[in-house]
PDB file of N, CA and C in Angstrom:
ATOM      1  N   GLY A   1       1.529  12.363  -9.945  1.00  0.00           N
ATOM      2  CA  GLY A   1       0.993  11.812  -8.789  1.00  0.00           C
ATOM      3  C   GLY A   1       0.062  12.680  -7.798  1.00  0.00           C
ATOM      4  N   ARG A   2       0.891  14.286  -7.683  1.00  0.00           N
ATOM      5  CA  ARG A   2      -0.127  14.865  -6.551  1.00  0.00           C
ATOM      6  C   ARG A   2      -1.424  14.872  -7.167  1.00  0.00           C
ATOM      7  N   ILE A   3      -1.570  15.125  -8.574  1.00  0.00           N
ATOM      8  CA  ILE A   3      -3.265  15.491  -8.861  1.00  0.00           C
ATOM      9  C   ILE A   3      -3.823  13.903  -8.557  1.00  0.00           C
ATOM     10  N   PHE A   4      -3.007  12.920  -9.048  1.00  0.00           N
ATOM     11  CA  PHE A   4      -3.659  11.766  -8.998  1.00  0.00           C
ATOM     12  C   PHE A   4      -4.453  11.514  -7.201  1.00  0.00           C
ATOM     13  N   GLY A   5      -3.386  12.040  -6.294  1.00  0.00           N
ATOM     14  CA  GLY A   5      -3.688  11.953  -4.862  1.00  0.00           C
ATOM     15  C   GLY A   5      -4.766  12.672  -4.774  1.00  0.00           C
ATOM     16  N   LEU A   6      -4.902  13.977  -5.243  1.00  0.00           N
ATOM     17  CA  LEU A   6      -5.718  15.066  -4.896  1.00  0.00           C
ATOM     18  C   LEU A   6      -7.068  14.125  -5.046  1.00  0.00           C
ATOM     19  N   ALA A   7      -7.047  13.875  -6.301  1.00  0.00           N
ATOM     20  CA  ALA A   7      -8.483  13.613  -7.189  1.00  0.00           C
ATOM     21  C   ALA A   7      -9.148  12.315  -5.890  1.00  0.00           C
ATOM     22  N   VAL A   8      -7.953  11.370  -5.206  1.00  0.00           N
ATOM     23  CA  VAL A   8      -8.575  10.236  -4.433  1.00  0.00           C
ATOM     24  C   VAL A   8      -8.963  10.599  -3.160  1.00  0.00           C
ATOM     25  N   LEU A   9      -8.123  12.046  -2.476  1.00  0.00           N
ATOM     26  CA  LEU A   9      -8.819  12.605  -1.503  1.00  0.00           C
ATOM     27  C   LEU A   9      -9.879  13.137  -1.342  1.00  0.00           C
ATOM     28  N   HIS A  10     -10.252  13.924  -2.758  1.00  0.00           N
ATOM     29  CA  HIS A  10     -11.564  14.964  -2.466  1.00  0.00           C
ATOM     30  C   HIS A  10     -12.643  13.635  -3.175  1.00  0.00           C
ATOM     31  N   GLY A  11     -12.435  12.416  -3.223  1.00  0.00           N
ATOM     32  CA  GLY A  11     -13.301  11.454  -3.585  1.00  0.00           C
ATOM     33  C   GLY A  11     -13.767  11.158  -5.377  1.00  0.00           C
ATOM     34  N   CYS A  12     -12.699  12.170  -6.058  1.00  0.00           N
ATOM     35  CA  CYS A  12     -12.909  12.934  -7.540  1.00  0.00           C
ATOM     36  C   CYS A  12     -13.044  10.738  -8.686  1.00  0.00           C
ATOM     37  N   LYS A  13     -13.883  10.677  -9.449  1.00  0.00           N
ATOM     38  CA  LYS A  13     -13.732   9.450  -9.959  1.00  0.00           C
ATOM     39  C   LYS A  13     -12.649   9.789 -11.372  1.00  0.00           C
ATOM     40  N   LEU A  14     -12.073   8.789 -11.346  1.00  0.00           N
ATOM     41  CA  LEU A  14     -10.619   8.806 -12.331  1.00  0.00           C
ATOM     42  C   LEU A  14     -10.925   8.521 -14.012  1.00  0.00           C
ATOM     43  N   GLY A  15     -12.240   7.718 -13.613  1.00  0.00           N
ATOM     44  CA  GLY A  15     -12.175   7.147 -15.003  1.00  0.00           C
ATOM     45  C   GLY A  15     -11.432   5.899 -15.085  1.00  0.00           C
ATOM     46  N   ARG A  16     -10.772   4.938 -14.270  1.00  0.00           N
ATOM     47  CA  ARG A  16     -10.366   3.485 -13.738  1.00  0.00           C
ATOM     48  C   ARG A  16     -10.159   3.323 -12.987  1.00  0.00           C
ATOM     49  N   ARG A  17     -10.157   1.589 -12.681  1.00  0.00           N
ATOM     50  CA  ARG A  17     -10.275   1.342 -11.253  1.00  0.00           C
ATOM     51  C   ARG A  17      -9.287   1.024 -10.930  1.00  0.00           C
ATOM     52  N   LEU A  18      -8.831   1.548  -9.319  1.00  0.00           N
ATOM     53  CA  LEU A  18      -7.406   1.064  -9.076  1.00  0.00           C
ATOM     54  C   LEU A  18      -7.486  -0.295  -8.994  1.00  0.00           C
ATOM     55  N   SER A  19      -5.795  -0.494  -8.849  1.00  0.00           N
ATOM     56  CA  SER A  19      -5.449  -1.780  -8.402  1.00  0.00           C
ATOM     57  C   SER A  19      -5.735  -2.186  -7.209  1.00  0.00           C
ATOM     58  N   ARG A  20      -5.910  -3.427  -6.705  1.00  0.00           N
ATOM     59  CA  ARG A  20      -6.503  -3.845  -5.377  1.00  0.00           C
ATOM     60  C   ARG A  20      -5.210  -3.699  -4.795  1.00  0.00           C
ATOM     61  N   VAL A  21      -4.088  -4.021  -5.301  1.00  0.00           N
ATOM     62  CA  VAL A  21      -3.029  -4.301  -4.284  1.00  0.00           C
ATOM     63  C   VAL A  21      -2.693  -2.243  -3.816  1.00  0.00           C
ATOM     64  N   PHE A  22      -2.866  -2.114  -5.199  1.00  0.00           N
ATOM     65  CA  PHE A  22      -2.595  -0.454  -4.514  1.00  0.00           C
ATOM     66  C   PHE A  22      -3.050   0.137  -3.285  1.00  0.00           C
ATOM     67  N   VAL A  23      -4.672  -0.100  -3.378  1.00  0.00           N
ATOM     68  CA  VAL A  23      -5.633   0.367  -2.870  1.00  0.00           C
ATOM     69  C   VAL A  23      -5.238  -0.026  -1.386  1.00  0.00           C
ATOM     70  N   ARG A  24      -4.687  -1.676  -1.246  1.00  0.00           N
ATOM     71  CA  ARG A  24      -4.272  -2.212  -0.024  1.00  0.00           C
ATOM     72  C   ARG A  24      -3.126  -1.634   0.750  1.00  0.00           C
ATOM     73  N   LEU A  25      -2.408  -1.294  -0.049  1.00  0.00           N
ATOM     74  CA  LEU A  25      -1.230  -0.083   0.222  1.00  0.00           C
ATOM     75  C   LEU A  25      -1.258   0.938   0.840  1.00  0.00           C
ATOM     76  N   LEU A  26      -2.432   1.638   0.148  1.00  0.00           N
ATOM     77  CA  LEU A  26      -3.331   2.885   0.526  1.00  0.00           C
ATOM     78  C   LEU A  26      -3.440   3.003   2.503  1.00  0.00           C
ATOM     79  N   ILE A  27      -4.398   1.784   2.383  1.00  0.00           N
ATOM     80  CA  ILE A  27      -4.935   1.749   3.486  1.00  0.00           C
ATOM     81  C   ILE A  27      -4.171   0.763   4.855  1.00  0.00           C
ATOM     82  N   GLY A  28      -2.860   0.322   4.380  1.00  0.00           N
ATOM     83  CA  GLY A  28      -2.036  -0.212   5.065  1.00  0.00           C
ATOM     84  C   GLY A  28      -2.295  -1.174   5.568  1.00  0.00           C
ATOM     85  N   GLU A  29      -2.712  -2.095   4.613  1.00  0.00           N
ATOM     86  CA  GLU A  29      -2.954  -3.591   4.114  1.00  0.00           C
ATOM     87  C   GLU A  29      -1.877  -4.454   3.402  1.00  0.00           C
ATOM     88  N   GLU A  30      -0.647  -4.061   3.550  1.00  0.00           N
ATOM     89  CA  GLU A  30       0.231  -4.591   2.643  1.00  0.00           C
ATOM     90  C   GLU A  30       0.202  -6.133   2.358  1.00  0.00           C
ATOM     91  N   PRO A  31       0.283  -6.783   1.370  1.00  0.00           N
ATOM     92  CA  PRO A  31       0.609  -8.119   1.191  1.00  0.00           C
ATOM     93  C   PRO A  31       1.081  -9.147   2.160  1.00  0.00           C
ATOM     94  N   SER A  32       0.991 -10.016   3.103  1.00  0.00           N
ATOM     95  CA  SER A  32       1.637 -10.631   4.082  1.00  0.00           C
ATOM     96  C   SER A  32       3.146 -11.534   3.255  1.00  0.00           C
ATOM     97  N   ASP A  33       2.326 -12.055   2.024  1.00  0.00           N
ATOM     98  CA  ASP A  33       3.512 -13.037   1.473  1.00  0.00           C
ATOM     99  C   ASP A  33       3.740 -12.849   0.208  1.00  0.00           C
ATOM    100  N   LEU A  34       4.227 -13.717  -0.529  1.00  0.00           N
ATOM    101  CA  LEU A  34       3.978 -13.647  -2.225  1.00  0.00           C
ATOM    102  C   LEU A  34       3.065 -14.477  -2.416  1.00  0.00           C
ATOM    103  N   ASP A  35       2.649 -15.535  -1.927  1.00  0.00           N
ATOM    104  CA  ASP A  35       1.214 -16.029  -2.084  1.00  0.00           C
ATOM    105  C   ASP A  35       0.219 -15.177  -2.488  1.00  0.00           C
ATOM    106  N   ASP A  36      -0.056 -13.849  -0.990  1.00  0.00           N
ATOM    107  CA  ASP A  36      -0.750 -13.148  -1.136  1.00  0.00           C
ATOM    108  C   ASP A  36      -1.084 -12.303  -2.186  1.00  0.00           C
ATOM    109  N   LEU A  37       0.389 -11.950  -2.557  1.00  0.00           N
ATOM    110  CA  LEU A  37       0.232 -10.898  -3.794  1.00  0.00           C
ATOM    111  C   LEU A  37      -0.277 -11.906  -4.862  1.00  0.00           C
ATOM    112  N   GLN A  38       0.458 -12.822  -5.059  1.00  0.00           N
ATOM    113  CA  GLN A  38      -0.156 -13.477  -6.378  1.00  0.00           C
ATOM    114  C   GLN A  38      -1.726 -13.960  -6.157  1.00  0.00           C
ATOM    115  N   ALA A  39      -2.154 -14.177  -5.342  1.00  0.00           N
ATOM    116  CA  ALA A  39      -3.756 -14.287  -5.272  1.00  0.00           C
ATOM    117  C   ALA A  39      -4.351 -12.953  -5.681  1.00  0.00           C
ATOM    118  N   GLU A  40      -3.931 -11.635  -5.067  1.00  0.00           N
ATOM    119  CA  GLU A  40      -4.428 -10.651  -5.553  1.00  0.00           C
ATOM    120  C   GLU A  40      -3.938 -10.096  -7.381  1.00  0.00           C
ATOM    121  N   LEU A  41      -2.717 -10.390  -7.860  1.00  0.00           N
ATOM    122  CA  LEU A  41      -2.542 -10.418  -9.126  1.00  0.00           C
ATOM    123  C   LEU A  41      -3.477 -11.524  -9.999  1.00  0.00           C
ATOM    124  N   ARG A  42      -3.897 -12.974  -9.690  1.00  0.00           N
ATOM    125  CA  ARG A  42      -4.813 -13.671  -9.665  1.00  0.00           C
ATOM    126  C   ARG A  42      -6.181 -13.398  -9.940  1.00  0.00           C
ATOM    127  N   HIS A  43      -6.595 -12.501  -9.252  1.00  0.00           N
ATOM    128  CA  HIS A  43      -7.818 -12.087  -8.979  1.00  0.00           C
ATOM    129  C   HIS A  43      -8.196 -10.684 -10.135  1.00  0.00           C
ATOM    130  N   GLU A  44      -7.326  -9.992 -10.230  1.00  0.00           N
ATOM    131  CA  GLU A  44      -7.181  -8.752 -11.463  1.00  0.00           C
ATOM    132  C   GLU A  44      -6.957  -9.027 -12.793  1.00  0.00           C
ATOM    133  N   ALA A  45      -6.351 -10.497 -13.191  1.00  0.00           N
ATOM    134  CA  ALA A  45      -6.217 -10.829 -14.637  1.00  0.00           C
ATOM    135  C   ALA A  45      -7.379 -11.091 -15.079  1.00  0.00           C
ATOM    136  N   ALA A  46      -7.876 -10.929 -16.031  1.00  0.00           N
ATOM    137  CA  ALA A  46      -8.513 -11.230 -17.135  1.00  0.00           C
ATOM    138  C   ALA A  46      -9.167 -12.987 -17.108  1.00  0.00           C
ATOM    139  N   GLU A  47     -10.274 -13.383 -16.816  1.00  0.00           N
ATOM    140  CA  GLU A  47     -10.606 -14.451 -16.909  1.00  0.00           C
ATOM    141  C   GLU A  47     -10.294 -15.282 -18.446  1.00  0.00           C
ATOM    142  N   GLY A  48      -9.319 -16.226 -18.278  1.00  0.00           N
ATOM    143  CA  GLY A  48      -9.085 -17.165 -19.205  1.00  0.00           C
ATOM    144  C   GLY A  48      -7.660 -16.702 -20.019  1.00  0.00           C
ATOM    145  N   ARG A  49      -7.127 -15.328 -19.665  1.00  0.00           N
ATOM    146  CA  ARG A  49      -5.997 -14.807 -20.063  1.00  0.00           C
ATOM    147  C   ARG A  49      -4.909 -15.662 -19.133  1.00  0.00           C
ATOM    148  N   PRO A  50      -3.620 -15.789 -19.663  1.00  0.00           N
ATOM    149  CA  PRO A  50      -2.449 -16.558 -18.681  1.00  0.00           C
ATOM    150  C   PRO A  50      -1.894 -15.436 -18.522  1.00  0.00           C
ATOM    151  N   ASP A  51      -1.514 -15.723 -16.958  1.00  0.00           N
ATOM    152  CA  ASP A  51      -0.984 -14.531 -16.304  1.00  0.00           C
ATOM    153  C   ASP A  51       0.179 -15.277 -15.578  1.00  0.00           C
ATOM    154  N   PHE A  52       1.317 -15.226 -15.806  1.00  0.00           N
ATOM    155  CA  PHE A  52       2.746 -16.229 -15.346  1.00  0.00           C
ATOM    156  C   PHE A  52       3.086 -15.279 -14.607  1.00  0.00           C
ATOM    157  N   ARG A  53       2.806 -14.006 -13.867  1.00  0.00           N
ATOM    158  CA  ARG A  53       3.528 -13.416 -12.547  1.00  0.00           C
ATOM    159  C   ARG A  53       2.652 -14.062 -11.696  1.00  0.00           C
ATOM    160  N   ALA A  54       1.279 -14.718 -11.688  1.00  0.00           N
ATOM    161  CA  ALA A  54       1.079 -15.009 -10.352  1.00  0.00           C
ATOM    162  C   ALA A  54       0.644 -16.588 -10.386  1.00  0.00           C
ATOM    163  N   GLY A  55       1.293 -17.520 -10.879  1.00  0.00           N
ATOM    164  CA  GLY A  55       1.477 -18.909 -10.610  1.00  0.00           C
ATOM    165  C   GLY A  55       2.471 -19.597 -11.063  1.00  0.00           C
ATOM    166  N   ARG A  56       2.236 -21.103 -10.631  1.00  0.00           N
ATOM    167  CA  ARG A  56       3.305 -22.007 -10.957  1.00  0.00           C
ATOM    168  C   ARG A  56       3.632 -22.238 -12.364  1.00  0.00           C
ATOM    169  N   GLU A  57       2.254 -21.476 -13.423  1.00  0.00           N
ATOM    170  CA  GLU A  57       2.213 -22.312 -14.742  1.00  0.00           C
ATOM    171  C   GLU A  57       3.710 -22.419 -15.309  1.00  0.00           C
ATOM    172  N   ILE A  58       4.024 -20.922 -15.732  1.00  0.00           N
ATOM    173  CA  ILE A  58       5.721 -20.866 -15.765  1.00  0.00           C
ATOM    174  C   ILE A  58       6.455 -21.603 -15.586  1.00  0.00           C
ATOM    175  N   LEU A  59       6.105 -22.483 -14.557  1.00  0.00           N
ATOM    176  CA  LEU A  59       6.981 -23.240 -13.964  1.00  0.00           C
ATOM    177  C   LEU A  59       6.855 -24.977 -14.852  1.00  0.00           C
ATOM    178  N   GLU A  60       5.437 -25.124 -14.763  1.00  0.00           N
ATOM    179  CA  GLU A  60       5.421 -26.177 -15.012  1.00  0.00           C
ATOM    180  C   GLU A  60       5.060 -26.790 -16.701  1.00  0.00           C
ATOM    181  N   ARG A  61       4.748 -25.427 -17.533  1.00  0.00           N
ATOM    182  CA  ARG A  61       4.471 -25.647 -18.830  1.00  0.00           C
ATOM    183  C   ARG A  61       5.825 -25.376 -19.224  1.00  0.00           C
ATOM    184  N   PRO A  62       6.296 -25.592 -20.529  1.00  0.00           N
ATOM    185  CA  PRO A  62       6.827 -25.271 -21.456  1.00  0.00           C
ATOM    186  C   PRO A  62       7.095 -23.635 -21.929  1.00  0.00           C
ATOM    187  N   LEU A  63       8.033 -22.886 -22.194  1.00  0.00           N
ATOM    188  CA  LEU A  63       8.227 -21.375 -22.280  1.00  0.00           C
ATOM    189  C   LEU A  63       7.617 -21.014 -23.725  1.00  0.00           C
ATOM    190  N   ARG A  64       7.400 -22.137 -24.878  1.00  0.00           N
ATOM    191  CA  ARG A  64       7.292 -22.137 -25.868  1.00  0.00           C
ATOM    192  C   ARG A  64       5.520 -22.017 -25.887  1.00  0.00           C
ATOM    193  N   GLU A  65       4.935 -22.918 -25.074  1.00  0.00           N
ATOM    194  CA  GLU A  65       3.753 -23.171 -24.675  1.00  0.00           C
ATOM    195  C   GLU A  65       2.915 -21.821 -24.330  1.00  0.00           C
ATOM    196  N   CYS A  66       3.987 -21.092 -23.598  1.00  0.00           N
ATOM    197  CA  CYS A  66       3.716 -20.211 -22.678  1.00  0.00           C
ATOM    198  C   CYS A  66       3.381 -18.672 -23.621  1.00  0.00           C
ATOM    199  N   GLY A  67       4.298 -18.748 -24.972  1.00  0.00           N
ATOM    200  CA  GLY A  67       4.546 -17.883 -25.936  1.00  0.00           C
ATOM    201  C   GLY A  67       5.983 -16.875 -25.196  1.00  0.00           C
ATOM    202  N   LEU A  68       6.544 -17.237 -24.450  1.00  0.00           N
ATOM    203  CA  LEU A  68       7.662 -16.842 -23.906  1.00  0.00           C
ATOM    204  C   LEU A  68       8.874 -17.380 -24.406  1.00  0.00           C
ATOM    205  N   GLU A  69       8.838 -18.240 -25.122  1.00  0.00           N
ATOM    206  CA  GLU A  69      10.440 -18.651 -25.275  1.00  0.00           C
ATOM    207  C   GLU A  69      11.279 -17.680 -26.223  1.00  0.00           C
ATOM    208  N   GLY A  70      12.150 -17.530 -25.815  1.00  0.00           N
ATOM    209  CA  GLY A  70      13.383 -16.354 -25.941  1.00  0.00           C
ATOM    210  C   GLY A  70      13.085 -14.997 -25.355  1.00  0.00           C
ATOM    211  N   ALA A  71      11.855 -14.803 -25.099  1.00  0.00           N
ATOM    212  CA  ALA A  71      11.456 -13.226 -24.794  1.00  0.00           C
ATOM    213  C   ALA A  71      12.128 -13.000 -23.175  1.00  0.00           C
ATOM    214  N   LEU A  72      12.266 -13.711 -22.580  1.00  0.00           N
ATOM    215  CA  LEU A  72      12.639 -13.096 -20.964  1.00  0.00           C
ATOM    216  C   LEU A  72      14.199 -13.403 -21.093  1.00  0.00           C
ATOM    217  N   THR A  73      14.939 -12.378 -20.566  1.00  0.00           N
ATOM    218  CA  THR A  73      15.963 -12.357 -19.786  1.00  0.00           C
ATOM    219  C   THR A  73      16.211 -12.328 -18.330  1.00  0.00           C
ATOM    220  N   PHE A  74      17.112 -12.729 -17.458  1.00  0.00           N
ATOM    221  CA  PHE A  74      17.862 -11.975 -16.186  1.00  0.00           C
ATOM    222  C   PHE A  74      17.629 -10.983 -15.727  1.00  0.00           C
ATOM    223  N   THR A  75      17.185 -10.163 -16.703  1.00  0.00           N
ATOM    224  CA  THR A  75      16.691  -8.349 -15.874  1.00  0.00           C
ATOM    225  C   THR A  75      15.461  -7.919 -15.812  1.00  0.00           C
ATOM    226  N   CYS A  76      15.553  -7.069 -15.293  1.00  0.00           N
ATOM    227  CA  CYS A  76      13.929  -5.969 -14.686  1.00  0.00           C
ATOM    228  C   CYS A  76      14.041  -4.723 -14.832  1.00  0.00           C
ATOM    229  N   PRO A  77      13.178  -4.010 -15.404  1.00  0.00           N
ATOM    230  CA  PRO A  77      13.016  -2.491 -15.729  1.00  0.00           C
ATOM    231  C   PRO A  77      13.275  -1.975 -14.534  1.00  0.00           C
ATOM    232  N   ALA A  78      13.935  -0.554 -14.364  1.00  0.00           N
ATOM    233  CA  ALA A  78      13.978   0.559 -13.172  1.00  0.00           C
ATOM    234  C   ALA A  78      12.447   0.374 -13.047  1.00  0.00           C
ATOM    235  N   ARG A  79      12.093   0.401 -11.887  1.00  0.00           N
ATOM    236  CA  ARG A  79      10.686   0.862 -11.339  1.00  0.00           C
ATOM    237  C   ARG A  79      10.465   2.055 -11.600  1.00  0.00           C
ATOM    238  N   GLY A  80       9.336   2.301 -12.719  1.00  0.00           N
ATOM    239  CA  GLY A  80       8.642   3.715 -12.651  1.00  0.00           C
ATOM    240  C   GLY A  80       9.989   4.939 -13.653  1.00  0.00           C
ATOM    241  N   ARG A  81      11.176   4.121 -14.102  1.00  0.00           N
ATOM    242  CA  ARG A  81      12.070   4.984 -14.717  1.00  0.00           C
ATOM    243  C   ARG A  81      12.444   4.298 -16.077  1.00  0.00           C
ATOM    244  N   PRO A  82      11.872   4.102 -17.229  1.00  0.00           N
ATOM    245  CA  PRO A  82      11.607   4.071 -18.260  1.00  0.00           C
ATOM    246  C   PRO A  82      13.425   4.651 -19.229  1.00  0.00           C
ATOM    247  N   ASP A  83      13.927   5.637 -18.703  1.00  0.00           N
ATOM    248  CA  ASP A  83      15.098   6.278 -19.559  1.00  0.00           C
ATOM    249  C   ASP A  83      16.145   5.202 -18.975  1.00  0.00           C
ATOM    250  N   LEU A  84      15.925   4.712 -17.699  1.00  0.00           N
ATOM    251  CA  LEU A  84      17.207   4.105 -16.977  1.00  0.00           C
ATOM    252  C   LEU A  84      17.240   2.542 -17.866  1.00  0.00           C
ATOM    253  N   PRO A  85      18.525   1.997 -18.078  1.00  0.00           N
ATOM    254  CA  PRO A  85      18.628   0.499 -18.198  1.00  0.00           C
ATOM    255  C   PRO A  85      18.297  -0.533 -17.509  1.00  0.00           C
ATOM    256  N   GLU A  86      17.661  -1.369 -18.170  1.00  0.00           N
ATOM    257  CA  GLU A  86      17.318  -2.676 -17.290  1.00  0.00           C
ATOM    258  C   GLU A  86      18.711  -3.092 -15.932  1.00  0.00           C
ATOM    259  N   LYS A  87      17.973  -3.385 -14.858  1.00  0.00           N
ATOM    260  CA  LYS A  87      18.847  -3.990 -13.905  1.00  0.00           C
ATOM    261  C   LYS A  87      19.007  -5.722 -13.923  1.00  0.00           C
ATOM    262  N   GLU A  88      20.028  -6.153 -14.352  1.00  0.00           N
ATOM    263  CA  GLU A  88      20.494  -7.422 -14.063  1.00  0.00           C
ATOM    264  C   GLU A  88      20.204  -8.216 -12.933  1.00  0.00           C
ATOM    265  N   LEU A  89      19.529  -9.153 -13.061  1.00  0.00           N
ATOM    266  CA  LEU A  89      19.391  -9.558 -11.857  1.00  0.00           C
ATOM    267  C   LEU A  89      20.213 -10.601 -11.337  1.00  0.00           C
ATOM    268  N   SER A  90      21.269 -10.847 -12.130  1.00  0.00           N
ATOM    269  CA  SER A  90      22.362 -11.444 -11.505  1.00  0.00           C
ATOM    270  C   SER A  90      23.581 -11.258 -12.593  1.00  0.00           C
ATOM    271  N   VAL A  91      24.682 -11.661 -12.710  1.00  0.00           N
ATOM    272  CA  VAL A  91      26.012 -11.300 -13.505  1.00  0.00           C
ATOM    273  C   VAL A  91      25.763 -11.717 -14.601  1.00  0.00           C
ATOM    274  N   GLY A  92      25.854 -10.919 -15.754  1.00  0.00           N
ATOM    275  CA  GLY A  92      25.685 -11.202 -17.003  1.00  0.00           C
ATOM    276  C   GLY A  92      23.851 -11.599 -17.240  1.00  0.00           C
ATOM    277  N   GLY A  93      23.095 -11.089 -16.501  1.00  0.00           N
ATOM    278  CA  GLY A  93      21.668 -11.206 -16.740  1.00  0.00           C
ATOM    279  C   GLY A  93      20.932 -10.877 -17.643  1.00  0.00           C
ATOM    280  N   ALA A  94      21.692  -9.512 -18.484  1.00  0.00           N
ATOM    281  CA  ALA A  94      21.249  -9.369 -19.933  1.00  0.00           C
ATOM    282  C   ALA A  94      21.466 -10.055 -20.659  1.00  0.00           C
ATOM    283  N   GLN A  95      22.493 -11.173 -20.761  1.00  0.00           N
ATOM    284  CA  GLN A  95      22.894 -11.769 -22.235  1.00  0.00           C
ATOM    285  C   GLN A  95      22.120 -13.054 -21.722  1.00  0.00           C
ATOM    286  N   THR A  96      21.977 -13.346 -20.453  1.00  0.00           N
ATOM    287  CA  THR A  96      21.247 -14.937 -20.239  1.00  0.00           C
ATOM    288  C   THR A  96      19.888 -15.126 -20.589  1.00  0.00           C
ATOM    289  N   VAL A  97      19.038 -15.827 -21.012  1.00  0.00           N
ATOM    290  CA  VAL A  97      17.897 -15.977 -22.006  1.00  0.00           C
ATOM    291  C   VAL A  97      17.509 -17.118 -21.120  1.00  0.00           C
ATOM    292  N   VAL A  98      16.103 -16.737 -20.320  1.00  0.00           N
ATOM    293  CA  VAL A  98      15.495 -17.298 -19.509  1.00  0.00           C
ATOM    294  C   VAL A  98      14.856 -18.719 -20.525  1.00  0.00           C
ATOM    295  N   THR A  99      15.402 -20.253 -19.808  1.00  0.00           N
ATOM    296  CA  THR A  99      15.059 -21.294 -20.608  1.00  0.00           C
ATOM    297  C   THR A  99      14.344 -22.191 -19.992  1.00  0.00           C
ATOM    298  N   ASP A 100      13.587 -23.246 -20.301  1.00  0.00           N
ATOM    299  CA  ASP A 100      12.979 -24.135 -19.683  1.00  0.00           C
ATOM    300  C   ASP A 100      14.274 -24.849 -18.497  1.00  0.00           C
ATOM    301  N   ALA A 101      14.976 -24.943 -18.592  1.00  0.00           N
ATOM    302  CA  ALA A 101      16.137 -25.538 -17.807  1.00  0.00           C
ATOM    303  C   ALA A 101      16.429 -24.589 -16.626  1.00  0.00           C
ATOM    304  N   ASN A 102      16.533 -23.124 -17.204  1.00  0.00           N
ATOM    305  CA  ASN A 102      16.906 -22.541 -15.828  1.00  0.00           C
ATOM    306  C   ASN A 102      15.602 -21.151 -15.213  1.00  0.00           C
ATOM    307  N   LYS A 103      14.479 -21.758 -15.900  1.00  0.00           N
ATOM    308  CA  LYS A 103      13.428 -20.666 -15.455  1.00  0.00           C
ATOM    309  C   LYS A 103      13.047 -20.746 -14.037  1.00  0.00           C
ATOM    310  N   ALA A 104      13.655 -21.810 -13.086  1.00  0.00           N
ATOM    311  CA  ALA A 104      13.334 -21.592 -12.033  1.00  0.00           C
ATOM    312  C   ALA A 104      14.015 -20.795 -11.289  1.00  0.00           C
ATOM    313  N   GLN A 105      15.297 -20.454 -11.434  1.00  0.00           N
ATOM    314  CA  GLN A 105      15.992 -19.589 -11.221  1.00  0.00           C
ATOM    315  C   GLN A 105      15.468 -18.239 -11.113  1.00  0.00           C
ATOM    316  N   TRP A 106      14.968 -17.702 -12.663  1.00  0.00           N
ATOM    317  CA  TRP A 106      14.563 -16.360 -12.818  1.00  0.00           C
ATOM    318  C   TRP A 106      13.563 -16.368 -11.625  1.00  0.00           C
TER     319      TRP A 106
END
């Protein structure tokens, strides 16, 4: 992180583009709401690729069509800590598979 910060500070090219959301956070322009964040995610997604993070498509289409049937549970990874277990988003979330019936709660 420190090396990355120094490279940005000194204007060194890193060989990769920075995420628009990350750059906005650096300059103090945080997304104002979920719609704003989703718009940023849609902008960064490759054209034509499905991006269930940034839209209502996951709610409107069956999970099977999205290729996500049986792939999601009510958990999320510990941010930046792959060595820690996933955090349950609800009681028993690790055993609760996301289905078409409960995906709105997910």
